[in-house]
Amino acid sequence: MAKIFNGKKTGKLGTEKNPAVVCVQTEDRLKEVASIFEENGWQYTIGLEPDKPEDITDLERLLNPPKPQVSEKKVGRNDPCPCGSGIKHKKCCGK
């Protein structure tokens, strides 16, 4: 599901302004998840709901933050063509 930008900046996940929210099914799992948050100093809210499936996506995002994507450098019109012909890109493969 894509999020739509609403113009408001949200705080960093795991802070007082934007605590991580997780839901677990058992008391043991609650203690286990709480200890992970405490070790890292993250703010959190844990719901103990035995009827619902476990949801720890916020914790997973904190443990494995997304890596920034790096795009490949584009070939300029007047640069030599990457195919190795020695001709300018605009006259060779860049038609």
PDB file of N, CA and C in Angstrom:
ATOM      1  N   MET A   1       0.843  -1.177   0.000  1.00  0.00           N
ATOM      2  CA  MET A   1       0.000   0.000   0.000  1.00  0.00           C
ATOM      3  C   MET A   1       0.890   1.243   0.000  1.00  0.00           C
ATOM      4  N   ALA A   2       0.692   2.123  -0.953  1.00  0.00           N
ATOM      5  CA  ALA A   2       1.489   3.338  -1.062  1.00  0.00           C
ATOM      6  C   ALA A   2       0.929   4.416  -0.133  1.00  0.00           C
ATOM      7  N   LYS A   3       1.833   5.105   0.542  1.00  0.00           N
ATOM      8  CA  LYS A   3       1.406   6.198   1.403  1.00  0.00           C
ATOM      9  C   LYS A   3       1.378   7.478   0.584  1.00  0.00           C
ATOM     10  N   ILE A   4       0.392   8.296   0.829  1.00  0.00           N
ATOM     11  CA  ILE A   4       0.257   9.567   0.125  1.00  0.00           C
ATOM     12  C   ILE A   4       0.793  10.671   1.024  1.00  0.00           C
ATOM     13  N   PHE A   5       1.663  11.517   0.478  1.00  0.00           N
ATOM     14  CA  PHE A   5       2.255  12.607   1.248  1.00  0.00           C
ATOM     15  C   PHE A   5       1.196  13.644   1.575  1.00  0.00           C
ATOM     16  N   ASN A   6       1.052  13.966   2.864  1.00  0.00           N
ATOM     17  CA  ASN A   6       0.036  14.927   3.283  1.00  0.00           C
ATOM     18  C   ASN A   6       0.622  16.283   3.667  1.00  0.00           C
ATOM     19  N   GLY A   7       1.933  16.471   3.474  1.00  0.00           N
ATOM     20  CA  GLY A   7       2.555  17.753   3.766  1.00  0.00           C
ATOM     21  C   GLY A   7       3.061  17.878   5.187  1.00  0.00           C
ATOM     22  N   LYS A   8       2.710  16.942   6.056  1.00  0.00           N
ATOM     23  CA  LYS A   8       3.156  16.990   7.441  1.00  0.00           C
ATOM     24  C   LYS A   8       4.302  16.014   7.630  1.00  0.00           C
ATOM     25  N   LYS A   9       5.357  16.483   8.285  1.00  0.00           N
ATOM     26  CA  LYS A   9       6.526  15.641   8.533  1.00  0.00           C
ATOM     27  C   LYS A   9       6.292  14.831   9.800  1.00  0.00           C
ATOM     28  N   THR A  10       6.461  13.508   9.707  1.00  0.00           N
ATOM     29  CA  THR A  10       6.330  12.670  10.896  1.00  0.00           C
ATOM     30  C   THR A  10       7.707  12.531  11.530  1.00  0.00           C
ATOM     31  N   GLY A  11       7.719  12.375  12.835  1.00  0.00           N
ATOM     32  CA  GLY A  11       8.984  12.211  13.535  1.00  0.00           C
ATOM     33  C   GLY A  11       9.611  10.866  13.214  1.00  0.00           C
ATOM     34  N   LYS A  12      10.873  10.736  13.550  1.00  0.00           N
ATOM     35  CA  LYS A  12      11.596   9.485  13.336  1.00  0.00           C
ATOM     36  C   LYS A  12      10.933   8.384  14.156  1.00  0.00           C
ATOM     37  N   LEU A  13      10.786   7.208  13.559  1.00  0.00           N
ATOM     38  CA  LEU A  13      10.147   6.083  14.230  1.00  0.00           C
ATOM     39  C   LEU A  13      10.950   5.685  15.471  1.00  0.00           C
ATOM     40  N   GLY A  14      10.233   5.451  16.564  1.00  0.00           N
ATOM     41  CA  GLY A  14      10.890   5.035  17.799  1.00  0.00           C
ATOM     42  C   GLY A  14      11.224   6.186  18.728  1.00  0.00           C
ATOM     43  N   THR A  15      10.751   7.397  18.387  1.00  0.00           N
ATOM     44  CA  THR A  15      10.983   8.554  19.249  1.00  0.00           C
ATOM     45  C   THR A  15       9.705   8.872  20.025  1.00  0.00           C
ATOM     46  N   GLU A  16       9.790   9.838  20.936  1.00  0.00           N
ATOM     47  CA  GLU A  16       8.621  10.217  21.725  1.00  0.00           C
ATOM     48  C   GLU A  16       7.487  10.729  20.844  1.00  0.00           C
ATOM     49  N   LYS A  17       7.846  11.468  19.805  1.00  0.00           N
ATOM     50  CA  LYS A  17       6.852  12.041  18.896  1.00  0.00           C
ATOM     51  C   LYS A  17       6.175  10.970  18.038  1.00  0.00           C
ATOM     52  N   ASN A  18       6.912   9.920  17.694  1.00  0.00           N
ATOM     53  CA  ASN A  18       6.397   8.864  16.832  1.00  0.00           C
ATOM     54  C   ASN A  18       6.847   7.498  17.365  1.00  0.00           C
ATOM     55  N   PRO A  19       6.241   7.023  18.464  1.00  0.00           N
ATOM     56  CA  PRO A  19       6.672   5.740  19.024  1.00  0.00           C
ATOM     57  C   PRO A  19       6.274   4.571  18.122  1.00  0.00           C
ATOM     58  N   ALA A  20       7.057   3.498  18.184  1.00  0.00           N
ATOM     59  CA  ALA A  20       6.738   2.286  17.432  1.00  0.00           C
ATOM     60  C   ALA A  20       5.543   1.616  18.098  1.00  0.00           C
ATOM     61  N   VAL A  21       4.615   1.108  17.289  1.00  0.00           N
ATOM     62  CA  VAL A  21       3.427   0.444  17.811  1.00  0.00           C
ATOM     63  C   VAL A  21       3.441  -1.007  17.335  1.00  0.00           C
ATOM     64  N   VAL A  22       3.407  -1.933  18.290  1.00  0.00           N
ATOM     65  CA  VAL A  22       3.389  -3.357  17.948  1.00  0.00           C
ATOM     66  C   VAL A  22       2.269  -4.056  18.709  1.00  0.00           C
ATOM     67  N   CYS A  23       1.880  -5.216  18.205  1.00  0.00           N
ATOM     68  CA  CYS A  23       0.816  -6.001  18.818  1.00  0.00           C
ATOM     69  C   CYS A  23       1.307  -7.446  18.927  1.00  0.00           C
ATOM     70  N   VAL A  24       1.217  -8.030  20.124  1.00  0.00           N
ATOM     71  CA  VAL A  24       1.657  -9.403  20.336  1.00  0.00           C
ATOM     72  C   VAL A  24       0.516 -10.223  20.948  1.00  0.00           C
ATOM     73  N   GLN A  25       0.695 -11.562  20.949  1.00  0.00           N
ATOM     74  CA  GLN A  25      -0.369 -12.446  21.419  1.00  0.00           C
ATOM     75  C   GLN A  25      -0.146 -12.985  22.832  1.00  0.00           C
ATOM     76  N   THR A  26       1.121 -13.077  23.272  1.00  0.00           N
ATOM     77  CA  THR A  26       1.379 -13.684  24.589  1.00  0.00           C
ATOM     78  C   THR A  26       2.191 -12.752  25.481  1.00  0.00           C
ATOM     79  N   GLU A  27       2.123 -13.018  26.777  1.00  0.00           N
ATOM     80  CA  GLU A  27       2.858 -12.235  27.772  1.00  0.00           C
ATOM     81  C   GLU A  27       4.368 -12.418  27.601  1.00  0.00           C
ATOM     82  N   ASP A  28       4.798 -13.659  27.280  1.00  0.00           N
ATOM     83  CA  ASP A  28       6.223 -13.926  27.076  1.00  0.00           C
ATOM     84  C   ASP A  28       6.761 -13.128  25.892  1.00  0.00           C
ATOM     85  N   ARG A  29       6.012 -13.114  24.819  1.00  0.00           N
ATOM     86  CA  ARG A  29       6.428 -12.374  23.618  1.00  0.00           C
ATOM     87  C   ARG A  29       6.469 -10.879  23.924  1.00  0.00           C
ATOM     88  N   LEU A  30       5.546 -10.401  24.743  1.00  0.00           N
ATOM     89  CA  LEU A  30       5.519  -8.989  25.129  1.00  0.00           C
ATOM     90  C   LEU A  30       6.816  -8.619  25.836  1.00  0.00           C
ATOM     91  N   LYS A  31       7.256  -9.462  26.760  1.00  0.00           N
ATOM     92  CA  LYS A  31       8.506  -9.191  27.490  1.00  0.00           C
ATOM     93  C   LYS A  31       9.707  -9.220  26.549  1.00  0.00           C
ATOM     94  N   GLU A  32       9.704 -10.185  25.626  1.00  0.00           N
ATOM     95  CA  GLU A  32      10.802 -10.321  24.668  1.00  0.00           C
ATOM     96  C   GLU A  32      10.918  -9.082  23.775  1.00  0.00           C
ATOM     97  N   VAL A  33       9.783  -8.636  23.231  1.00  0.00           N
ATOM     98  CA  VAL A  33       9.766  -7.466  22.346  1.00  0.00           C
ATOM     99  C   VAL A  33      10.113  -6.201  23.131  1.00  0.00           C
ATOM    100  N   ALA A  34       9.584  -6.072  24.344  1.00  0.00           N
ATOM    101  CA  ALA A  34       9.870  -4.892  25.176  1.00  0.00           C
ATOM    102  C   ALA A  34      11.362  -4.789  25.477  1.00  0.00           C
ATOM    103  N   SER A  35      12.018  -5.935  25.709  1.00  0.00           N
ATOM    104  CA  SER A  35      13.451  -5.899  26.019  1.00  0.00           C
ATOM    105  C   SER A  35      14.259  -5.419  24.810  1.00  0.00           C
ATOM    106  N   ILE A  36      13.823  -5.772  23.606  1.00  0.00           N
ATOM    107  CA  ILE A  36      14.516  -5.299  22.393  1.00  0.00           C
ATOM    108  C   ILE A  36      14.411  -3.780  22.293  1.00  0.00           C
ATOM    109  N   PHE A  37      13.203  -3.255  22.531  1.00  0.00           N
ATOM    110  CA  PHE A  37      13.011  -1.801  22.494  1.00  0.00           C
ATOM    111  C   PHE A  37      13.859  -1.107  23.557  1.00  0.00           C
ATOM    112  N   GLU A  38      13.890  -1.669  24.761  1.00  0.00           N
ATOM    113  CA  GLU A  38      14.648  -1.080  25.875  1.00  0.00           C
ATOM    114  C   GLU A  38      16.146  -1.066  25.585  1.00  0.00           C
ATOM    115  N   GLU A  39      16.676  -2.168  25.019  1.00  0.00           N
ATOM    116  CA  GLU A  39      18.103  -2.250  24.706  1.00  0.00           C
ATOM    117  C   GLU A  39      18.543  -1.142  23.766  1.00  0.00           C
ATOM    118  N   ASN A  40      17.668  -0.822  22.808  1.00  0.00           N
ATOM    119  CA  ASN A  40      18.006   0.169  21.787  1.00  0.00           C
ATOM    120  C   ASN A  40      17.563   1.587  22.152  1.00  0.00           C
ATOM    121  N   GLY A  41      16.818   1.734  23.245  1.00  0.00           N
ATOM    122  CA  GLY A  41      16.383   3.061  23.686  1.00  0.00           C
ATOM    123  C   GLY A  41      15.274   3.648  22.835  1.00  0.00           C
ATOM    124  N   TRP A  42      14.480   2.789  22.194  1.00  0.00           N
ATOM    125  CA  TRP A  42      13.373   3.266  21.351  1.00  0.00           C
ATOM    126  C   TRP A  42      12.105   3.399  22.175  1.00  0.00           C
ATOM    127  N   GLN A  43      11.292   4.397  21.849  1.00  0.00           N
ATOM    128  CA  GLN A  43       9.983   4.572  22.476  1.00  0.00           C
ATOM    129  C   GLN A  43       9.014   3.619  21.773  1.00  0.00           C
ATOM    130  N   TYR A  44       8.081   3.045  22.542  1.00  0.00           N
ATOM    131  CA  TYR A  44       7.186   2.048  21.957  1.00  0.00           C
ATOM    132  C   TYR A  44       5.860   1.959  22.690  1.00  0.00           C
ATOM    133  N   THR A  45       4.897   1.334  22.035  1.00  0.00           N
ATOM    134  CA  THR A  45       3.617   0.993  22.618  1.00  0.00           C
ATOM    135  C   THR A  45       3.337  -0.444  22.209  1.00  0.00           C
ATOM    136  N   ILE A  46       3.084  -1.309  23.188  1.00  0.00           N
ATOM    137  CA  ILE A  46       2.815  -2.714  22.881  1.00  0.00           C
ATOM    138  C   ILE A  46       1.400  -3.053  23.314  1.00  0.00           C
ATOM    139  N   GLY A  47       0.652  -3.656  22.391  1.00  0.00           N
ATOM    140  CA  GLY A  47      -0.688  -4.131  22.697  1.00  0.00           C
ATOM    141  C   GLY A  47      -0.669  -5.640  22.860  1.00  0.00           C
ATOM    142  N   LEU A  48      -1.293  -6.135  23.934  1.00  0.00           N
ATOM    143  CA  LEU A  48      -1.382  -7.574  24.169  1.00  0.00           C
ATOM    144  C   LEU A  48      -2.786  -8.010  23.756  1.00  0.00           C
ATOM    145  N   GLU A  49      -2.890  -8.615  22.589  1.00  0.00           N
ATOM    146  CA  GLU A  49      -4.189  -9.021  22.056  1.00  0.00           C
ATOM    147  C   GLU A  49      -4.108 -10.467  21.565  1.00  0.00           C
ATOM    148  N   PRO A  50      -4.511 -11.432  22.401  1.00  0.00           N
ATOM    149  CA  PRO A  50      -4.411 -12.851  22.037  1.00  0.00           C
ATOM    150  C   PRO A  50      -5.255 -13.240  20.821  1.00  0.00           C
ATOM    151  N   ASP A  51      -6.333 -12.496  20.542  1.00  0.00           N
ATOM    152  CA  ASP A  51      -7.249 -12.845  19.443  1.00  0.00           C
ATOM    153  C   ASP A  51      -6.701 -12.442  18.074  1.00  0.00           C
ATOM    154  N   LYS A  52      -5.872 -11.410  18.033  1.00  0.00           N
ATOM    155  CA  LYS A  52      -5.395 -10.879  16.754  1.00  0.00           C
ATOM    156  C   LYS A  52      -4.010 -11.426  16.415  1.00  0.00           C
ATOM    157  N   PRO A  53      -3.667 -11.465  15.107  1.00  0.00           N
ATOM    158  CA  PRO A  53      -2.325 -11.925  14.732  1.00  0.00           C
ATOM    159  C   PRO A  53      -1.259 -10.926  15.157  1.00  0.00           C
ATOM    160  N   GLU A  54      -0.045 -11.429  15.391  1.00  0.00           N
ATOM    161  CA  GLU A  54       1.062 -10.575  15.821  1.00  0.00           C
ATOM    162  C   GLU A  54       1.430  -9.590  14.718  1.00  0.00           C
ATOM    163  N   ASP A  55       1.681  -8.339  15.105  1.00  0.00           N
ATOM    164  CA  ASP A  55       2.077  -7.298  14.148  1.00  0.00           C
ATOM    165  C   ASP A  55       3.281  -6.552  14.729  1.00  0.00           C
ATOM    166  N   ILE A  56       4.480  -6.877  14.228  1.00  0.00           N
ATOM    167  CA  ILE A  56       5.692  -6.218  14.725  1.00  0.00           C
ATOM    168  C   ILE A  56       6.425  -5.516  13.567  1.00  0.00           C
ATOM    169  N   THR A  57       5.683  -4.986  12.609  1.00  0.00           N
ATOM    170  CA  THR A  57       6.311  -4.353  11.447  1.00  0.00           C
ATOM    171  C   THR A  57       7.144  -3.137  11.842  1.00  0.00           C
ATOM    172  N   ASP A  58       6.695  -2.348  12.817  1.00  0.00           N
ATOM    173  CA  ASP A  58       7.473  -1.181  13.253  1.00  0.00           C
ATOM    174  C   ASP A  58       8.817  -1.610  13.834  1.00  0.00           C
ATOM    175  N   LEU A  59       8.824  -2.684  14.608  1.00  0.00           N
ATOM    176  CA  LEU A  59      10.071  -3.193  15.185  1.00  0.00           C
ATOM    177  C   LEU A  59      11.008  -3.685  14.077  1.00  0.00           C
ATOM    178  N   GLU A  60      10.464  -4.392  13.098  1.00  0.00           N
ATOM    179  CA  GLU A  60      11.285  -4.876  11.985  1.00  0.00           C
ATOM    180  C   GLU A  60      11.887  -3.718  11.196  1.00  0.00           C
ATOM    181  N   ARG A  61      11.122  -2.623  11.020  1.00  0.00           N
ATOM    182  CA  ARG A  61      11.636  -1.446  10.308  1.00  0.00           C
ATOM    183  C   ARG A  61      12.761  -0.780  11.094  1.00  0.00           C
ATOM    184  N   LEU A  62      12.667  -0.779  12.424  1.00  0.00           N
ATOM    185  CA  LEU A  62      13.725  -0.195  13.241  1.00  0.00           C
ATOM    186  C   LEU A  62      14.986  -1.060  13.224  1.00  0.00           C
ATOM    187  N   LEU A  63      14.807  -2.379  13.250  1.00  0.00           N
ATOM    188  CA  LEU A  63      15.952  -3.287  13.247  1.00  0.00           C
ATOM    189  C   LEU A  63      16.624  -3.357  11.882  1.00  0.00           C
ATOM    190  N   ASN A  64      15.852  -3.240  10.796  1.00  0.00           N
ATOM    191  CA  ASN A  64      16.377  -3.307   9.427  1.00  0.00           C
ATOM    192  C   ASN A  64      15.920  -2.085   8.641  1.00  0.00           C
ATOM    193  N   PRO A  65      16.538  -0.914   8.870  1.00  0.00           N
ATOM    194  CA  PRO A  65      16.087   0.296   8.170  1.00  0.00           C
ATOM    195  C   PRO A  65      16.287   0.155   6.670  1.00  0.00           C
ATOM    196  N   PRO A  66      15.369   0.740   5.870  1.00  0.00           N
ATOM    197  CA  PRO A  66      15.506   0.639   4.414  1.00  0.00           C
ATOM    198  C   PRO A  66      16.755   1.370   3.928  1.00  0.00           C
ATOM    199  N   LYS A  67      17.441   0.790   2.987  1.00  0.00           N
ATOM    200  CA  LYS A  67      18.654   1.377   2.418  1.00  0.00           C
ATOM    201  C   LYS A  67      18.258   2.350   1.310  1.00  0.00           C
ATOM    202  N   PRO A  68      18.936   3.494   1.201  1.00  0.00           N
ATOM    203  CA  PRO A  68      18.624   4.419   0.116  1.00  0.00           C
ATOM    204  C   PRO A  68      19.008   3.802  -1.224  1.00  0.00           C
ATOM    205  N   GLN A  69      18.167   4.031  -2.225  1.00  0.00           N
ATOM    206  CA  GLN A  69      18.444   3.490  -3.549  1.00  0.00           C
ATOM    207  C   GLN A  69      19.399   4.411  -4.288  1.00  0.00           C
ATOM    208  N   VAL A  70      20.370   3.821  -4.965  1.00  0.00           N
ATOM    209  CA  VAL A  70      21.343   4.583  -5.727  1.00  0.00           C
ATOM    210  C   VAL A  70      21.083   4.309  -7.203  1.00  0.00           C
ATOM    211  N   SER A  71      20.827   5.368  -7.952  1.00  0.00           N
ATOM    212  CA  SER A  71      20.568   5.185  -9.377  1.00  0.00           C
ATOM    213  C   SER A  71      21.885   5.188 -10.142  1.00  0.00           C
ATOM    214  N   GLU A  72      21.882   4.499 -11.270  1.00  0.00           N
ATOM    215  CA  GLU A  72      23.083   4.450 -12.093  1.00  0.00           C
ATOM    216  C   GLU A  72      23.273   5.792 -12.787  1.00  0.00           C
ATOM    217  N   LYS A  73      24.524   6.135 -13.029  1.00  0.00           N
ATOM    218  CA  LYS A  73      24.827   7.389 -13.705  1.00  0.00           C
ATOM    219  C   LYS A  73      24.396   7.285 -15.161  1.00  0.00           C
ATOM    220  N   LYS A  74      23.668   8.290 -15.633  1.00  0.00           N
ATOM    221  CA  LYS A  74      23.203   8.301 -17.012  1.00  0.00           C
ATOM    222  C   LYS A  74      24.332   8.741 -17.940  1.00  0.00           C
ATOM    223  N   VAL A  75      24.273   8.268 -19.160  1.00  0.00           N
ATOM    224  CA  VAL A  75      25.263   8.644 -20.163  1.00  0.00           C
ATOM    225  C   VAL A  75      24.816   9.972 -20.775  1.00  0.00           C
ATOM    226  N   GLY A  76      25.720  10.946 -20.791  1.00  0.00           N
ATOM    227  CA  GLY A  76      25.407  12.239 -21.395  1.00  0.00           C
ATOM    228  C   GLY A  76      25.378  12.141 -22.912  1.00  0.00           C
ATOM    229  N   ARG A  77      24.678  13.077 -23.544  1.00  0.00           N
ATOM    230  CA  ARG A  77      24.559  13.056 -25.011  1.00  0.00           C
ATOM    231  C   ARG A  77      25.920  13.120 -25.701  1.00  0.00           C
ATOM    232  N   ASN A  78      26.835  13.916 -25.153  1.00  0.00           N
ATOM    233  CA  ASN A  78      28.125  14.109 -25.809  1.00  0.00           C
ATOM    234  C   ASN A  78      29.239  13.219 -25.253  1.00  0.00           C
ATOM    235  N   ASP A  79      28.882  12.305 -24.339  1.00  0.00           N
ATOM    236  CA  ASP A  79      29.867  11.362 -23.813  1.00  0.00           C
ATOM    237  C   ASP A  79      30.076  10.232 -24.823  1.00  0.00           C
ATOM    238  N   PRO A  80      31.242   9.567 -24.764  1.00  0.00           N
ATOM    239  CA  PRO A  80      31.444   8.411 -25.652  1.00  0.00           C
ATOM    240  C   PRO A  80      30.410   7.327 -25.337  1.00  0.00           C
ATOM    241  N   CYS A  81      29.965   6.631 -26.352  1.00  0.00           N
ATOM    242  CA  CYS A  81      28.942   5.595 -26.181  1.00  0.00           C
ATOM    243  C   CYS A  81      29.504   4.430 -25.360  1.00  0.00           C
ATOM    244  N   PRO A  82      28.705   3.918 -24.387  1.00  0.00           N
ATOM    245  CA  PRO A  82      29.178   2.819 -23.553  1.00  0.00           C
ATOM    246  C   PRO A  82      29.336   1.494 -24.313  1.00  0.00           C
ATOM    247  N   CYS A  83      28.859   1.420 -25.550  1.00  0.00           N
ATOM    248  CA  CYS A  83      29.001   0.174 -26.307  1.00  0.00           C
ATOM    249  C   CYS A  83      30.431  -0.030 -26.782  1.00  0.00           C
ATOM    250  N   GLY A  84      31.259   1.034 -26.688  1.00  0.00           N
ATOM    251  CA  GLY A  84      32.667   0.899 -27.045  1.00  0.00           C
ATOM    252  C   GLY A  84      32.996   1.297 -28.470  1.00  0.00           C
ATOM    253  N   SER A  85      32.057   1.895 -29.187  1.00  0.00           N
ATOM    254  CA  SER A  85      32.307   2.259 -30.583  1.00  0.00           C
ATOM    255  C   SER A  85      33.221   3.478 -30.721  1.00  0.00           C
ATOM    256  N   GLY A  86      33.295   4.309 -29.665  1.00  0.00           N
ATOM    257  CA  GLY A  86      34.117   5.510 -29.717  1.00  0.00           C
ATOM    258  C   GLY A  86      33.370   6.708 -30.280  1.00  0.00           C
ATOM    259  N   ILE A  87      32.141   6.503 -30.727  1.00  0.00           N
ATOM    260  CA  ILE A  87      31.312   7.585 -31.276  1.00  0.00           C
ATOM    261  C   ILE A  87      30.520   8.194 -30.113  1.00  0.00           C
ATOM    262  N   LYS A  88      30.113   9.471 -30.275  1.00  0.00           N
ATOM    263  CA  LYS A  88      29.284  10.105 -29.257  1.00  0.00           C
ATOM    264  C   LYS A  88      27.994   9.305 -29.084  1.00  0.00           C
ATOM    265  N   HIS A  89      27.515   9.271 -27.853  1.00  0.00           N
ATOM    266  CA  HIS A  89      26.318   8.507 -27.529  1.00  0.00           C
ATOM    267  C   HIS A  89      25.103   8.958 -28.376  1.00  0.00           C
ATOM    268  N   LYS A  90      24.979  10.265 -28.609  1.00  0.00           N
ATOM    269  CA  LYS A  90      23.805  10.778 -29.331  1.00  0.00           C
ATOM    270  C   LYS A  90      23.787  10.296 -30.788  1.00  0.00           C
ATOM    271  N   LYS A  91      24.949   9.967 -31.358  1.00  0.00           N
ATOM    272  CA  LYS A  91      24.996   9.520 -32.756  1.00  0.00           C
ATOM    273  C   LYS A  91      25.035   7.995 -32.876  1.00  0.00           C
ATOM    274  N   CYS A  92      25.215   7.303 -31.739  1.00  0.00           N
ATOM    275  CA  CYS A  92      25.349   5.845 -31.792  1.00  0.00           C
ATOM    276  C   CYS A  92      24.079   5.181 -31.226  1.00  0.00           C
ATOM    277  N   CYS A  93      24.094   4.850 -29.958  1.00  0.00           N
ATOM    278  CA  CYS A  93      22.967   4.126 -29.337  1.00  0.00           C
ATOM    279  C   CYS A  93      21.902   5.066 -28.747  1.00  0.00           C
ATOM    280  N   GLY A  94      22.168   6.342 -28.689  1.00  0.00           N
ATOM    281  CA  GLY A  94      21.239   7.286 -28.063  1.00  0.00           C
ATOM    282  C   GLY A  94      20.255   7.906 -29.029  1.00  0.00           C
ATOM    283  N   LYS A  95      20.291   7.526 -30.255  1.00  0.00           N
ATOM    284  CA  LYS A  95      19.457   8.053 -31.358  1.00  0.00           C
ATOM    285  C   LYS A  95      18.364   8.931 -30.882  1.00  0.00           C
TER     286      LYS A  95
END
